[in-house]
């Protein structure tokens, strides 16, 4: 591969997922201000717009690279659950989500040679019923302030997630099948970078 891959994200989970493969990449923070994008009722359009703008913000800095960006949100009954600002916000979010179903949407953008490729993934997540002490114990354990909806599906998330319908890695923030489809359009096949285990 002649082009460097730029992962335009600060997320350690996205870095971890892309590191499943031997593809060389560099993790860079996009300076795009996500708060400038208004939510107009469509969570799929919302995350696609943010992923697109993150990628476009990096394009001038890395014109010869393959740029990969993503944005994830949690959605339930017309409401977005983004990253909580405080632990109290995280507890409140989790209280709203427990015992119910919600959707996780991730928009993914790839830019290569001035071509923009864009897609979105949706996963349905069903939470277990939780007591307040369980919510507090979970939130303390997982550092929720950098996670949409104040939770992560991995590790201790196994105690709060009853079942999912769709892509597990989408809930982590980087849906691999969607990423693979978009990278193929940029001439990169993740099958060429599968690591031995």
Protein backbone atom coordinates (compact mmCIF):
# COMPACT_ATOMS: atom_id res chain seq x y z
CA UNK A 1 0.00 0.00 0.00
CA UNK A 2 1.50 3.29 -1.06
CA UNK A 3 -0.78 5.55 0.94
CA UNK A 4 -0.63 6.07 4.70
CA UNK A 5 -3.85 5.52 6.64
CA UNK A 6 -4.83 8.28 9.03
CA UNK A 7 -7.27 7.27 11.77
CA UNK A 8 -8.89 10.59 12.60
CA UNK A 9 -9.99 9.75 16.12
CA UNK A 10 -8.78 10.01 19.70
CA UNK A 11 -10.71 6.89 20.68
CA UNK A 12 -8.56 4.12 22.18
CA UNK A 13 -11.25 1.63 21.18
CA UNK A 14 -11.10 2.57 17.50
CA UNK A 15 -7.32 2.30 17.65
CA UNK A 16 -7.63 -1.12 19.28
CA UNK A 17 -10.05 -2.40 16.64
CA UNK A 18 -7.95 -1.20 13.70
CA UNK A 19 -4.91 -2.76 15.39
CA UNK A 20 -6.51 -6.18 14.88
CA UNK A 21 -4.94 -5.86 11.44
CA UNK A 22 -1.34 -5.31 10.37
CA UNK A 23 -2.30 -2.29 8.27
CA UNK A 24 0.01 0.65 9.08
CA UNK A 25 -1.87 3.65 10.39
CA UNK A 26 -1.40 6.81 12.40
CA UNK A 27 -3.91 8.08 14.96
CA UNK A 28 -4.53 11.82 14.65
CA UNK A 29 -7.10 14.08 16.32
CA UNK A 30 -9.48 15.90 13.96
CA UNK A 31 -9.94 19.52 14.97
CA UNK A 32 -13.56 19.60 13.74
CA UNK A 33 -15.97 20.92 16.40
CA UNK A 34 -18.74 18.31 16.61
CA UNK A 35 -20.99 20.66 18.59
CA UNK A 36 -21.53 22.75 15.45
CA UNK A 37 -23.67 19.99 13.89
CA UNK A 38 -27.32 20.26 14.95
CA UNK A 39 -29.40 17.14 15.51
CA UNK A 40 -32.46 17.28 13.27
CA UNK A 41 -34.13 14.04 14.34
CA UNK A 42 -32.21 11.58 12.12
CA UNK A 43 -29.39 9.86 14.05
CA UNK A 44 -27.97 8.19 10.93
CA UNK A 45 -27.67 11.50 9.08
CA UNK A 46 -26.23 13.12 12.22
CA UNK A 47 -23.32 10.70 12.67
CA UNK A 48 -22.60 10.59 8.93
CA UNK A 49 -22.35 14.39 8.84
CA UNK A 50 -19.93 14.48 11.77
CA UNK A 51 -17.77 11.66 10.37
CA UNK A 52 -17.66 13.46 7.03
CA UNK A 53 -16.69 16.81 8.58
CA UNK A 54 -13.99 15.17 10.71
CA UNK A 55 -12.46 13.67 7.56
CA UNK A 56 -12.71 16.89 5.55
CA UNK A 57 -10.98 18.79 8.37
CA UNK A 58 -7.99 16.43 8.08
CA UNK A 59 -7.79 16.34 4.28
CA UNK A 60 -5.70 19.52 3.82
CA UNK A 61 -3.16 18.22 6.34
CA UNK A 62 -2.93 14.74 4.77
CA UNK A 63 -3.74 15.15 1.04
CA UNK A 64 -1.87 11.99 0.00
CA UNK A 65 -3.22 9.73 2.74
CA UNK A 66 -6.28 7.54 3.19
CA UNK A 67 -8.29 9.24 5.94
CA UNK A 68 -10.65 7.17 8.09
CA UNK A 69 -13.01 8.83 10.59
CA UNK A 70 -16.09 7.78 12.53
CA UNK A 71 -18.71 9.14 14.90
CA UNK A 72 -20.92 7.12 17.24
CA UNK A 73 -24.08 8.02 19.10
CA UNK A 74 -26.67 6.22 21.20
CA UNK A 75 -30.33 6.87 20.30
CA UNK A 76 -33.56 6.05 22.09
CA UNK A 77 -37.09 7.38 21.57
CA UNK A 78 -36.06 10.48 19.62
CA UNK A 79 -33.23 11.41 21.98
CA UNK A 80 -29.46 11.28 21.51
CA UNK A 81 -27.21 10.06 24.30
CA UNK A 82 -23.75 11.40 23.55
CA UNK A 83 -20.70 11.48 25.83
CA UNK A 84 -21.71 12.50 29.36
CA UNK A 85 -20.01 15.61 30.72
CA UNK A 86 -20.05 14.51 34.36
CA UNK A 87 -20.47 11.31 36.35
CA UNK A 88 -23.94 12.51 37.32
CA UNK A 89 -24.80 12.78 33.61
CA UNK A 90 -23.52 9.24 33.11
CA UNK A 91 -25.67 7.87 35.95
CA UNK A 92 -28.72 9.66 34.55
CA UNK A 93 -28.12 8.28 31.04
CA UNK A 94 -27.69 4.74 32.31
CA UNK A 95 -30.89 5.00 34.38
CA UNK A 96 -32.80 5.96 31.22
CA UNK A 97 -31.30 3.12 29.20
CA UNK A 98 -31.50 0.19 31.64
CA UNK A 99 -34.12 -2.47 30.99
CA UNK A 100 -34.87 -1.11 27.52
CA UNK A 101 -33.71 -1.25 23.92
CA UNK A 102 -31.74 1.51 22.21
CA UNK A 103 -29.89 1.92 18.93
CA UNK A 104 -26.23 2.67 18.35
CA UNK A 105 -25.37 4.50 15.12
CA UNK A 106 -21.85 4.93 13.77
CA UNK A 107 -21.12 7.03 10.71
CA UNK A 108 -17.89 6.15 8.89
CA UNK A 109 -16.07 8.32 6.35
CA UNK A 110 -13.09 7.54 4.12
CA UNK A 111 -11.33 10.12 1.95
CA UNK A 112 -8.86 9.04 -0.73
CA UNK A 113 -7.56 11.16 -3.62
CA UNK A 114 -10.34 13.74 -3.04
CA UNK A 115 -13.04 11.05 -3.16
CA UNK A 116 -15.32 10.84 -0.14
CA UNK A 117 -16.96 7.53 0.79
CA UNK A 118 -19.61 7.53 3.51
CA UNK A 119 -21.80 4.94 5.24
CA UNK A 120 -23.57 4.26 8.53
CA UNK A 121 -24.12 1.18 10.72
CA UNK A 122 -26.97 0.57 13.20
CA UNK A 123 -27.00 -1.93 16.06
CA UNK A 124 -29.87 -2.57 18.46
CA UNK A 125 -28.79 -3.03 22.07
CA UNK A 126 -30.96 -4.45 24.85
CA UNK A 127 -29.92 -3.57 28.40
CA UNK A 128 -30.54 -5.64 31.50
CA UNK A 129 -32.47 -4.28 34.44
CA UNK A 130 -29.99 -2.74 36.90
CA UNK A 131 -30.26 -1.44 40.43
CA UNK A 132 -28.88 1.98 41.34
CA UNK A 133 -25.91 0.42 43.19
CA UNK A 134 -25.14 -1.66 40.08
CA UNK A 135 -25.31 1.43 37.85
CA UNK A 136 -22.91 3.29 40.17
CA UNK A 137 -20.52 0.33 40.41
CA UNK A 138 -20.50 -0.07 36.63
CA UNK A 139 -19.96 3.64 35.89
CA UNK A 140 -17.12 3.88 38.42
CA UNK A 141 -15.41 0.86 36.87
CA UNK A 142 -15.46 1.90 33.20
CA UNK A 143 -14.76 5.68 33.12
CA UNK A 144 -17.88 6.62 31.11
CA UNK A 145 -17.06 10.22 30.14
CA UNK A 146 -15.47 9.30 26.80
CA UNK A 147 -18.26 6.93 25.72
CA UNK A 148 -21.53 7.70 23.93
CA UNK A 149 -24.38 6.81 26.26
CA UNK A 150 -21.95 6.55 29.16
CA UNK A 151 -21.22 2.86 28.59
CA UNK A 152 -19.04 0.38 26.75
CA UNK A 153 -20.13 -3.06 25.56
CA UNK A 154 -16.73 -4.64 26.20
CA UNK A 155 -15.38 -6.02 29.51
CA UNK A 156 -17.79 -5.06 32.35
CA UNK A 157 -20.36 -4.22 29.68
CA UNK A 158 -21.09 -7.93 29.57
CA UNK A 159 -22.99 -7.43 32.85
CA UNK A 160 -25.29 -4.72 31.51
CA UNK A 161 -25.95 -5.78 27.90
CA UNK A 162 -28.61 -8.48 27.62
CA UNK A 163 -28.29 -8.96 23.86
CA UNK A 164 -27.55 -7.11 20.63
CA UNK A 165 -28.89 -7.24 17.09
CA UNK A 166 -26.18 -6.24 14.65
CA UNK A 167 -22.47 -5.47 14.76
CA UNK A 168 -20.68 -5.74 18.13
CA UNK A 169 -17.79 -3.56 16.91
CA UNK A 170 -20.27 -0.86 15.93
CA UNK A 171 -21.17 -0.52 19.62
CA UNK A 172 -17.43 -0.19 20.35
CA UNK A 173 -17.26 2.62 17.79
CA UNK A 174 -15.81 1.14 14.59
CA UNK A 175 -18.03 -1.26 12.59
CA UNK A 176 -15.52 -3.42 10.75
CA UNK A 177 -17.68 -4.59 7.85
CA UNK A 178 -18.60 -0.99 7.04
CA UNK A 179 -14.96 0.09 7.39
CA UNK A 180 -13.87 -2.75 5.10
CA UNK A 181 -16.41 -1.77 2.41
CA UNK A 182 -15.28 1.85 2.43
CA UNK A 183 -11.55 1.07 2.51
CA UNK A 184 -12.05 -1.24 -0.49
CA UNK A 185 -13.19 1.81 -2.44
CA UNK A 186 -9.84 3.39 -1.56
CA UNK A 187 -7.98 0.30 -2.79
CA UNK A 188 -7.34 -1.26 0.63
CA UNK A 189 -8.62 -4.74 1.52
CA UNK A 190 -8.42 -5.59 5.22
CA UNK A 191 -8.15 -9.26 4.25
CA UNK A 192 -4.63 -8.42 3.06
CA UNK A 193 -3.72 -7.39 6.61
CA UNK A 194 -5.17 -10.20 8.71
CA UNK A 195 -2.86 -11.01 11.62
CA UNK A 196 -2.03 -14.52 12.79
CA UNK A 197 -3.32 -15.34 16.25
